[in-house]
């Protein structure tokens, strides 16, 4: 680990993946990320809660949890909130 560095914090690296996944659903007219002058009806706020590789077992397991909150940008209220968790054997 001494000779390796992250390109960016993990939460920042997840943002393009989330954006692309939402675009690929074709449920939305447009999906934009980051600060933008565009007006949006909906906003998705995500928080990376956990990203950890567990080496106590073989093969190791990557554990990830993300909190997601969908907001109505026009009415300023929460539509839904959910925590998503996944474990991937690596």
N, C-alpha and C. Protein backbone atom coordinates (compact mmCIF):
# COMPACT_ATOMS: atom_id res chain seq x y z
N UNK A 1 0.81 -1.21 0.00
CA UNK A 1 0.00 0.00 0.00
C UNK A 1 0.85 1.26 0.00
N UNK A 2 2.09 1.14 0.39
CA UNK A 2 2.97 2.30 0.49
C UNK A 2 3.17 2.96 -0.87
N UNK A 3 3.24 2.18 -1.92
CA UNK A 3 3.54 2.70 -3.25
C UNK A 3 2.30 3.00 -4.09
N UNK A 4 1.10 2.80 -3.55
CA UNK A 4 -0.14 3.01 -4.30
C UNK A 4 -0.93 4.19 -3.75
N UNK A 5 -1.62 4.86 -4.65
CA UNK A 5 -2.51 5.95 -4.24
C UNK A 5 -3.81 5.84 -5.01
N UNK A 6 -4.87 6.39 -4.45
CA UNK A 6 -6.16 6.45 -5.13
C UNK A 6 -6.13 7.60 -6.12
N UNK A 7 -6.82 7.46 -7.25
CA UNK A 7 -6.95 8.56 -8.20
C UNK A 7 -7.80 9.68 -7.61
N UNK A 8 -8.78 9.30 -6.82
CA UNK A 8 -9.68 10.24 -6.15
C UNK A 8 -10.31 9.50 -4.98
N UNK A 9 -10.97 10.22 -4.08
CA UNK A 9 -11.68 9.52 -3.00
C UNK A 9 -12.71 8.57 -3.59
N UNK A 10 -12.94 7.42 -2.93
CA UNK A 10 -13.88 6.43 -3.47
C UNK A 10 -15.26 7.00 -3.80
N UNK A 11 -15.78 7.89 -2.97
CA UNK A 11 -17.10 8.47 -3.25
C UNK A 11 -17.12 9.24 -4.55
N UNK A 12 -16.04 9.92 -4.88
CA UNK A 12 -15.95 10.65 -6.15
C UNK A 12 -15.84 9.70 -7.34
N UNK A 13 -15.18 8.58 -7.15
CA UNK A 13 -15.04 7.61 -8.24
C UNK A 13 -16.35 6.88 -8.51
N UNK A 14 -17.24 6.81 -7.52
CA UNK A 14 -18.54 6.16 -7.72
C UNK A 14 -19.51 7.03 -8.50
N UNK A 15 -19.37 8.35 -8.41
CA UNK A 15 -20.32 9.26 -9.06
C UNK A 15 -20.47 9.01 -10.56
N UNK A 16 -19.39 8.90 -11.34
CA UNK A 16 -19.57 8.63 -12.78
C UNK A 16 -20.26 7.29 -13.05
N UNK A 17 -20.00 6.29 -12.20
CA UNK A 17 -20.64 4.99 -12.37
C UNK A 17 -22.14 5.08 -12.12
N UNK A 18 -22.53 5.81 -11.08
CA UNK A 18 -23.96 6.00 -10.79
C UNK A 18 -24.64 6.78 -11.92
N UNK A 19 -23.98 7.81 -12.40
CA UNK A 19 -24.54 8.62 -13.49
C UNK A 19 -24.76 7.77 -14.73
N UNK A 20 -23.75 7.01 -15.12
CA UNK A 20 -23.85 6.16 -16.30
C UNK A 20 -24.94 5.10 -16.14
N UNK A 21 -25.03 4.51 -14.96
CA UNK A 21 -26.06 3.50 -14.70
C UNK A 21 -27.47 4.09 -14.82
N UNK A 22 -27.66 5.29 -14.28
CA UNK A 22 -28.97 5.95 -14.40
C UNK A 22 -29.28 6.31 -15.85
N UNK A 23 -28.29 6.76 -16.59
CA UNK A 23 -28.49 7.06 -18.01
C UNK A 23 -28.89 5.81 -18.78
N UNK A 24 -28.26 4.69 -18.46
CA UNK A 24 -28.51 3.44 -19.17
C UNK A 24 -29.90 2.85 -18.91
N UNK A 25 -30.57 3.30 -17.84
CA UNK A 25 -31.92 2.79 -17.57
C UNK A 25 -32.93 3.35 -18.57
N UNK A 26 -32.65 4.52 -19.13
CA UNK A 26 -33.54 5.23 -20.05
C UNK A 26 -34.87 5.62 -19.40
N UNK A 27 -34.90 5.67 -18.07
CA UNK A 27 -36.09 6.11 -17.33
C UNK A 27 -36.17 7.63 -17.26
N UNK A 28 -35.07 8.31 -17.51
CA UNK A 28 -35.00 9.75 -17.33
C UNK A 28 -34.67 10.43 -18.65
N UNK A 29 -35.24 11.61 -18.85
CA UNK A 29 -34.99 12.40 -20.06
C UNK A 29 -33.51 12.76 -20.15
N UNK A 30 -32.96 13.17 -19.02
CA UNK A 30 -31.54 13.53 -18.98
C UNK A 30 -31.01 13.25 -17.57
N UNK A 31 -29.74 12.89 -17.49
CA UNK A 31 -29.07 12.68 -16.21
C UNK A 31 -27.80 13.51 -16.25
N UNK A 32 -27.67 14.39 -15.27
CA UNK A 32 -26.46 15.23 -15.18
C UNK A 32 -25.84 15.01 -13.81
N UNK A 33 -24.56 15.29 -13.71
CA UNK A 33 -23.90 15.13 -12.41
C UNK A 33 -23.15 16.40 -12.06
N UNK A 34 -22.95 16.56 -10.77
CA UNK A 34 -22.20 17.71 -10.29
C UNK A 34 -22.95 19.01 -10.43
N UNK A 35 -22.29 20.09 -10.08
CA UNK A 35 -22.92 21.40 -10.21
C UNK A 35 -23.26 21.69 -11.67
N UNK A 36 -24.46 22.19 -11.90
CA UNK A 36 -24.89 22.48 -13.26
C UNK A 36 -25.91 23.61 -13.23
N UNK A 37 -25.92 24.46 -14.24
CA UNK A 37 -26.93 25.53 -14.29
C UNK A 37 -28.30 24.99 -14.71
N UNK A 38 -28.36 23.73 -15.15
CA UNK A 38 -29.63 23.15 -15.60
C UNK A 38 -30.60 22.98 -14.43
N UNK A 39 -31.88 23.21 -14.69
CA UNK A 39 -32.92 22.99 -13.69
C UNK A 39 -33.31 21.52 -13.71
N UNK A 40 -33.41 20.91 -12.54
CA UNK A 40 -33.77 19.50 -12.46
C UNK A 40 -35.00 19.33 -11.60
N UNK A 41 -35.86 18.40 -12.00
CA UNK A 41 -37.05 18.09 -11.20
C UNK A 41 -36.69 17.20 -10.02
N UNK A 42 -35.74 16.29 -10.23
CA UNK A 42 -35.32 15.35 -9.20
C UNK A 42 -33.83 15.46 -8.93
N UNK A 43 -33.46 15.14 -7.70
CA UNK A 43 -32.04 15.14 -7.33
C UNK A 43 -31.79 13.89 -6.51
N UNK A 44 -30.70 13.20 -6.81
CA UNK A 44 -30.31 12.01 -6.06
C UNK A 44 -29.05 12.34 -5.27
N UNK A 45 -29.16 12.30 -3.96
CA UNK A 45 -28.00 12.51 -3.09
C UNK A 45 -27.55 11.15 -2.58
N UNK A 46 -26.25 10.87 -2.70
CA UNK A 46 -25.72 9.60 -2.22
C UNK A 46 -24.58 9.85 -1.25
N UNK A 47 -24.46 8.95 -0.29
CA UNK A 47 -23.38 9.00 0.68
C UNK A 47 -22.77 7.62 0.80
N UNK A 48 -21.48 7.53 0.57
CA UNK A 48 -20.78 6.26 0.74
C UNK A 48 -20.60 6.02 2.23
N UNK A 49 -21.24 4.98 2.74
CA UNK A 49 -21.18 4.67 4.17
C UNK A 49 -20.00 3.75 4.47
N UNK A 50 -19.82 2.74 3.62
CA UNK A 50 -18.78 1.75 3.87
C UNK A 50 -18.22 1.23 2.56
N UNK A 51 -16.92 1.18 2.49
CA UNK A 51 -16.20 0.52 1.39
C UNK A 51 -14.98 -0.12 2.02
N UNK A 52 -15.03 -1.43 2.14
CA UNK A 52 -14.00 -2.12 2.89
C UNK A 52 -13.73 -3.48 2.26
N UNK A 53 -12.46 -3.85 2.21
CA UNK A 53 -12.10 -5.18 1.75
C UNK A 53 -11.73 -6.00 2.98
N UNK A 54 -12.45 -7.09 3.17
CA UNK A 54 -12.28 -7.94 4.33
C UNK A 54 -11.38 -9.12 3.97
N UNK A 55 -10.18 -9.15 4.56
CA UNK A 55 -9.21 -10.19 4.27
C UNK A 55 -9.21 -11.30 5.32
N UNK A 56 -10.20 -11.30 6.22
CA UNK A 56 -10.24 -12.32 7.27
C UNK A 56 -10.69 -13.67 6.74
N UNK A 57 -11.15 -13.72 5.50
CA UNK A 57 -11.52 -14.99 4.87
C UNK A 57 -10.92 -15.05 3.48
N UNK A 58 -10.80 -16.25 2.94
CA UNK A 58 -10.27 -16.43 1.59
C UNK A 58 -11.34 -17.07 0.74
N UNK A 59 -11.67 -16.58 -0.41
CA UNK A 59 -11.17 -15.30 -0.95
C UNK A 59 -11.73 -14.12 -0.16
N UNK A 60 -11.09 -12.97 -0.31
CA UNK A 60 -11.51 -11.79 0.43
C UNK A 60 -12.87 -11.30 -0.10
N UNK A 61 -13.52 -10.46 0.70
CA UNK A 61 -14.84 -9.93 0.35
C UNK A 61 -14.80 -8.41 0.40
N UNK A 62 -15.33 -7.78 -0.64
CA UNK A 62 -15.47 -6.33 -0.65
C UNK A 62 -16.88 -6.01 -0.15
N UNK A 63 -16.96 -5.17 0.86
CA UNK A 63 -18.23 -4.80 1.47
C UNK A 63 -18.49 -3.32 1.19
N UNK A 64 -19.69 -3.01 0.68
CA UNK A 64 -20.01 -1.62 0.35
C UNK A 64 -21.44 -1.31 0.76
N UNK A 65 -21.64 -0.11 1.34
CA UNK A 65 -22.96 0.38 1.68
C UNK A 65 -23.07 1.84 1.23
N UNK A 66 -24.21 2.17 0.63
CA UNK A 66 -24.46 3.53 0.13
C UNK A 66 -25.86 3.97 0.57
N UNK A 67 -25.95 5.15 1.13
CA UNK A 67 -27.26 5.76 1.42
C UNK A 67 -27.66 6.59 0.22
N UNK A 68 -28.91 6.46 -0.22
CA UNK A 68 -29.41 7.23 -1.36
C UNK A 68 -30.70 7.92 -0.94
N UNK A 69 -30.81 9.20 -1.31
CA UNK A 69 -32.01 9.98 -1.03
C UNK A 69 -32.44 10.66 -2.32
N UNK A 70 -33.69 10.41 -2.73
CA UNK A 70 -34.27 11.03 -3.91
C UNK A 70 -35.13 12.21 -3.47
N UNK A 71 -34.84 13.38 -4.02
CA UNK A 71 -35.55 14.59 -3.62
C UNK A 71 -36.27 15.22 -4.80
N UNK A 72 -37.42 15.83 -4.53
CA UNK A 72 -38.11 16.66 -5.50
C UNK A 72 -37.50 18.05 -5.38
N UNK A 73 -36.77 18.47 -6.40
CA UNK A 73 -36.06 19.75 -6.36
C UNK A 73 -37.00 20.94 -6.39
N UNK A 74 -38.15 20.79 -6.99
CA UNK A 74 -39.10 21.90 -7.11
C UNK A 74 -39.84 22.15 -5.80
N UNK A 75 -40.25 21.06 -5.11
CA UNK A 75 -41.03 21.19 -3.88
C UNK A 75 -40.19 21.05 -2.62
N UNK A 76 -38.91 20.76 -2.80
CA UNK A 76 -37.97 20.63 -1.68
C UNK A 76 -38.42 19.61 -0.64
N UNK A 77 -38.83 18.42 -1.10
CA UNK A 77 -39.16 17.37 -0.14
C UNK A 77 -38.58 16.04 -0.59
N UNK A 78 -38.41 15.15 0.39
CA UNK A 78 -37.83 13.84 0.14
C UNK A 78 -38.90 12.91 -0.41
N UNK A 79 -38.58 12.26 -1.52
CA UNK A 79 -39.48 11.29 -2.13
C UNK A 79 -39.22 9.90 -1.54
N UNK A 80 -37.94 9.53 -1.43
CA UNK A 80 -37.58 8.22 -0.90
C UNK A 80 -36.15 8.24 -0.40
N UNK A 81 -35.87 7.35 0.52
CA UNK A 81 -34.51 7.17 1.02
C UNK A 81 -34.29 5.69 1.26
N UNK A 82 -33.08 5.21 0.95
CA UNK A 82 -32.79 3.80 1.11
C UNK A 82 -31.29 3.59 1.24
N UNK A 83 -30.92 2.57 1.99
CA UNK A 83 -29.53 2.16 2.09
C UNK A 83 -29.35 0.89 1.27
N UNK A 84 -28.36 0.90 0.40
CA UNK A 84 -28.04 -0.25 -0.44
C UNK A 84 -26.71 -0.84 0.05
N UNK A 85 -26.68 -2.16 0.19
CA UNK A 85 -25.46 -2.85 0.62
C UNK A 85 -25.17 -4.00 -0.33
N UNK A 86 -23.89 -4.24 -0.53
CA UNK A 86 -23.48 -5.37 -1.37
C UNK A 86 -22.16 -5.92 -0.87
N UNK A 87 -22.02 -7.22 -0.99
CA UNK A 87 -20.76 -7.91 -0.70
C UNK A 87 -20.35 -8.64 -1.96
N UNK A 88 -19.10 -8.46 -2.37
CA UNK A 88 -18.59 -9.09 -3.58
C UNK A 88 -17.33 -9.88 -3.22
N UNK A 89 -17.33 -11.15 -3.60
CA UNK A 89 -16.15 -11.97 -3.37
C UNK A 89 -15.09 -11.59 -4.40
N UNK A 90 -13.89 -11.30 -3.92
CA UNK A 90 -12.84 -10.84 -4.84
C UNK A 90 -11.71 -11.84 -4.96
